[in-house]
């Protein structure tokens, strides 16, 4: 029997409270995108501003739970997280088969 988990998808929103928050996202996002997309097991990673300038759509896809967990751990120690940790996130995480 194959015990590997399926791909893991995170989707949701980053909701800025002010244009100051938006500026933080704009400043720190390019490096965050580059580092995440270079991670082993990252299939896709996109953070895109919506029609509402304060709201960003987040879509992540990793090959398995281990790759997703690695990303979460790396992100918690990153400049991105330090700079944006007070910005509310609304995410759904699901394991795909």
C-alpha atoms as a PDB file:
ATOM      1  CA  UNK A   1       0.000   0.000   0.000  1.00  0.00           C
ATOM      2  CA  UNK A   2       1.222   3.506  -0.834  1.00  0.00           C
ATOM      3  CA  UNK A   3       1.426   5.656   2.334  1.00  0.00           C
ATOM      4  CA  UNK A   4       2.393   8.913   0.645  1.00  0.00           C
ATOM      5  CA  UNK A   5       0.019  11.802   1.073  1.00  0.00           C
ATOM      6  CA  UNK A   6      -1.414  13.649  -1.876  1.00  0.00           C
ATOM      7  CA  UNK A   7      -0.731  17.201  -2.899  1.00  0.00           C
ATOM      8  CA  UNK A   8      -1.594  19.998  -0.483  1.00  0.00           C
ATOM      9  CA  UNK A   9      -3.386  23.137  -1.634  1.00  0.00           C
ATOM     10  CA  UNK A  10      -3.735  26.365   0.341  1.00  0.00           C
ATOM     11  CA  UNK A  11      -6.094  29.018  -0.925  1.00  0.00           C
ATOM     12  CA  UNK A  12      -7.478  32.176   0.563  1.00  0.00           C
ATOM     13  CA  UNK A  13      -6.795  35.813   1.242  1.00  0.00           C
ATOM     14  CA  UNK A  14      -4.366  38.190   2.855  1.00  0.00           C
ATOM     15  CA  UNK A  15      -6.443  41.166   4.065  1.00  0.00           C
ATOM     16  CA  UNK A  16      -4.529  44.388   4.586  1.00  0.00           C
ATOM     17  CA  UNK A  17      -5.971  46.947   6.992  1.00  0.00           C
ATOM     18  CA  UNK A  18      -4.246  49.936   5.414  1.00  0.00           C
ATOM     19  CA  UNK A  19      -2.131  51.111   2.511  1.00  0.00           C
ATOM     20  CA  UNK A  20       0.846  50.783   4.875  1.00  0.00           C
ATOM     21  CA  UNK A  21       0.129  47.025   4.980  1.00  0.00           C
ATOM     22  CA  UNK A  22      -0.144  46.987   1.183  1.00  0.00           C
ATOM     23  CA  UNK A  23       3.270  48.658   0.955  1.00  0.00           C
ATOM     24  CA  UNK A  24       4.742  45.944   3.201  1.00  0.00           C
ATOM     25  CA  UNK A  25       3.314  43.221   0.976  1.00  0.00           C
ATOM     26  CA  UNK A  26       4.648  44.936  -2.153  1.00  0.00           C
ATOM     27  CA  UNK A  27       8.096  45.385  -0.590  1.00  0.00           C
ATOM     28  CA  UNK A  28       8.530  41.850   0.760  1.00  0.00           C
ATOM     29  CA  UNK A  29       6.535  39.772  -1.728  1.00  0.00           C
ATOM     30  CA  UNK A  30       9.088  39.458  -4.568  1.00  0.00           C
ATOM     31  CA  UNK A  31      11.677  37.736  -2.356  1.00  0.00           C
ATOM     32  CA  UNK A  32       8.977  35.600  -0.693  1.00  0.00           C
ATOM     33  CA  UNK A  33       7.745  34.439  -4.114  1.00  0.00           C
ATOM     34  CA  UNK A  34      11.287  33.681  -5.307  1.00  0.00           C
ATOM     35  CA  UNK A  35      12.233  31.709  -2.192  1.00  0.00           C
ATOM     36  CA  UNK A  36       8.982  29.758  -2.061  1.00  0.00           C
ATOM     37  CA  UNK A  37       8.971  28.846  -5.741  1.00  0.00           C
ATOM     38  CA  UNK A  38      12.526  27.510  -5.307  1.00  0.00           C
ATOM     39  CA  UNK A  39      11.521  25.173  -2.455  1.00  0.00           C
ATOM     40  CA  UNK A  40      11.575  21.443  -3.131  1.00  0.00           C
ATOM     41  CA  UNK A  41       8.015  20.277  -3.684  1.00  0.00           C
ATOM     42  CA  UNK A  42       6.505  23.645  -4.592  1.00  0.00           C
ATOM     43  CA  UNK A  43       4.280  23.120  -7.639  1.00  0.00           C
ATOM     44  CA  UNK A  44       2.859  26.636  -7.746  1.00  0.00           C
ATOM     45  CA  UNK A  45       2.739  29.701  -5.525  1.00  0.00           C
ATOM     46  CA  UNK A  46       0.875  32.907  -6.366  1.00  0.00           C
ATOM     47  CA  UNK A  47      -0.061  35.986  -4.343  1.00  0.00           C
ATOM     48  CA  UNK A  48      -2.046  38.451  -6.469  1.00  0.00           C
ATOM     49  CA  UNK A  49      -3.710  41.732  -5.598  1.00  0.00           C
ATOM     50  CA  UNK A  50      -7.465  41.670  -6.222  1.00  0.00           C
ATOM     51  CA  UNK A  51      -9.687  44.499  -7.471  1.00  0.00           C
ATOM     52  CA  UNK A  52      -9.760  45.619  -3.829  1.00  0.00           C
ATOM     53  CA  UNK A  53      -6.263  47.050  -3.286  1.00  0.00           C
ATOM     54  CA  UNK A  54      -6.279  45.838   0.328  1.00  0.00           C
ATOM     55  CA  UNK A  55      -7.020  42.197  -0.515  1.00  0.00           C
ATOM     56  CA  UNK A  56      -4.550  39.682  -1.953  1.00  0.00           C
ATOM     57  CA  UNK A  57      -5.515  36.241  -3.297  1.00  0.00           C
ATOM     58  CA  UNK A  58      -3.149  33.468  -2.184  1.00  0.00           C
ATOM     59  CA  UNK A  59      -2.889  30.137  -4.018  1.00  0.00           C
ATOM     60  CA  UNK A  60      -0.298  27.532  -3.082  1.00  0.00           C
ATOM     61  CA  UNK A  61       0.201  23.960  -4.259  1.00  0.00           C
ATOM     62  CA  UNK A  62       2.809  21.564  -2.881  1.00  0.00           C
ATOM     63  CA  UNK A  63       3.518  17.953  -3.875  1.00  0.00           C
ATOM     64  CA  UNK A  64       2.761  16.585  -0.396  1.00  0.00           C
ATOM     65  CA  UNK A  65       2.287  17.411   3.279  1.00  0.00           C
ATOM     66  CA  UNK A  66       6.042  17.261   3.982  1.00  0.00           C
ATOM     67  CA  UNK A  67       6.761  19.917   1.339  1.00  0.00           C
ATOM     68  CA  UNK A  68       3.905  22.085   2.635  1.00  0.00           C
ATOM     69  CA  UNK A  69       5.087  21.730   6.235  1.00  0.00           C
ATOM     70  CA  UNK A  70       8.641  22.647   5.199  1.00  0.00           C
ATOM     71  CA  UNK A  71       7.279  25.773   3.521  1.00  0.00           C
ATOM     72  CA  UNK A  72       5.301  26.733   6.622  1.00  0.00           C
ATOM     73  CA  UNK A  73       8.358  26.291   8.842  1.00  0.00           C
ATOM     74  CA  UNK A  74      10.661  28.228   6.507  1.00  0.00           C
ATOM     75  CA  UNK A  75       8.141  31.035   6.140  1.00  0.00           C
ATOM     76  CA  UNK A  76       7.784  31.473   9.926  1.00  0.00           C
ATOM     77  CA  UNK A  77      11.504  32.300  10.080  1.00  0.00           C
ATOM     78  CA  UNK A  78      11.478  34.656   7.080  1.00  0.00           C
ATOM     79  CA  UNK A  79      11.652  38.421   6.669  1.00  0.00           C
ATOM     80  CA  UNK A  80       8.283  38.155   4.899  1.00  0.00           C
ATOM     81  CA  UNK A  81       6.588  36.732   7.980  1.00  0.00           C
ATOM     82  CA  UNK A  82       8.273  39.182  10.336  1.00  0.00           C
ATOM     83  CA  UNK A  83       7.124  42.129   8.202  1.00  0.00           C
ATOM     84  CA  UNK A  84       3.583  40.888   7.484  1.00  0.00           C
ATOM     85  CA  UNK A  85       2.657  38.780  10.517  1.00  0.00           C
ATOM     86  CA  UNK A  86       0.041  41.273  11.744  1.00  0.00           C
ATOM     87  CA  UNK A  87      -1.858  41.194   8.433  1.00  0.00           C
ATOM     88  CA  UNK A  88      -4.880  38.870   8.798  1.00  0.00           C
ATOM     89  CA  UNK A  89      -4.904  35.718   6.714  1.00  0.00           C
ATOM     90  CA  UNK A  90      -7.965  33.663   5.791  1.00  0.00           C
ATOM     91  CA  UNK A  91      -6.768  30.350   4.384  1.00  0.00           C
ATOM     92  CA  UNK A  92      -8.185  26.936   3.653  1.00  0.00           C
ATOM     93  CA  UNK A  93      -5.777  23.995   3.452  1.00  0.00           C
ATOM     94  CA  UNK A  94      -6.783  20.743   1.789  1.00  0.00           C
ATOM     95  CA  UNK A  95      -5.051  17.520   0.929  1.00  0.00           C
ATOM     96  CA  UNK A  96      -5.771  16.332  -2.601  1.00  0.00           C
ATOM     97  CA  UNK A  97      -5.841  12.712  -3.650  1.00  0.00           C
END
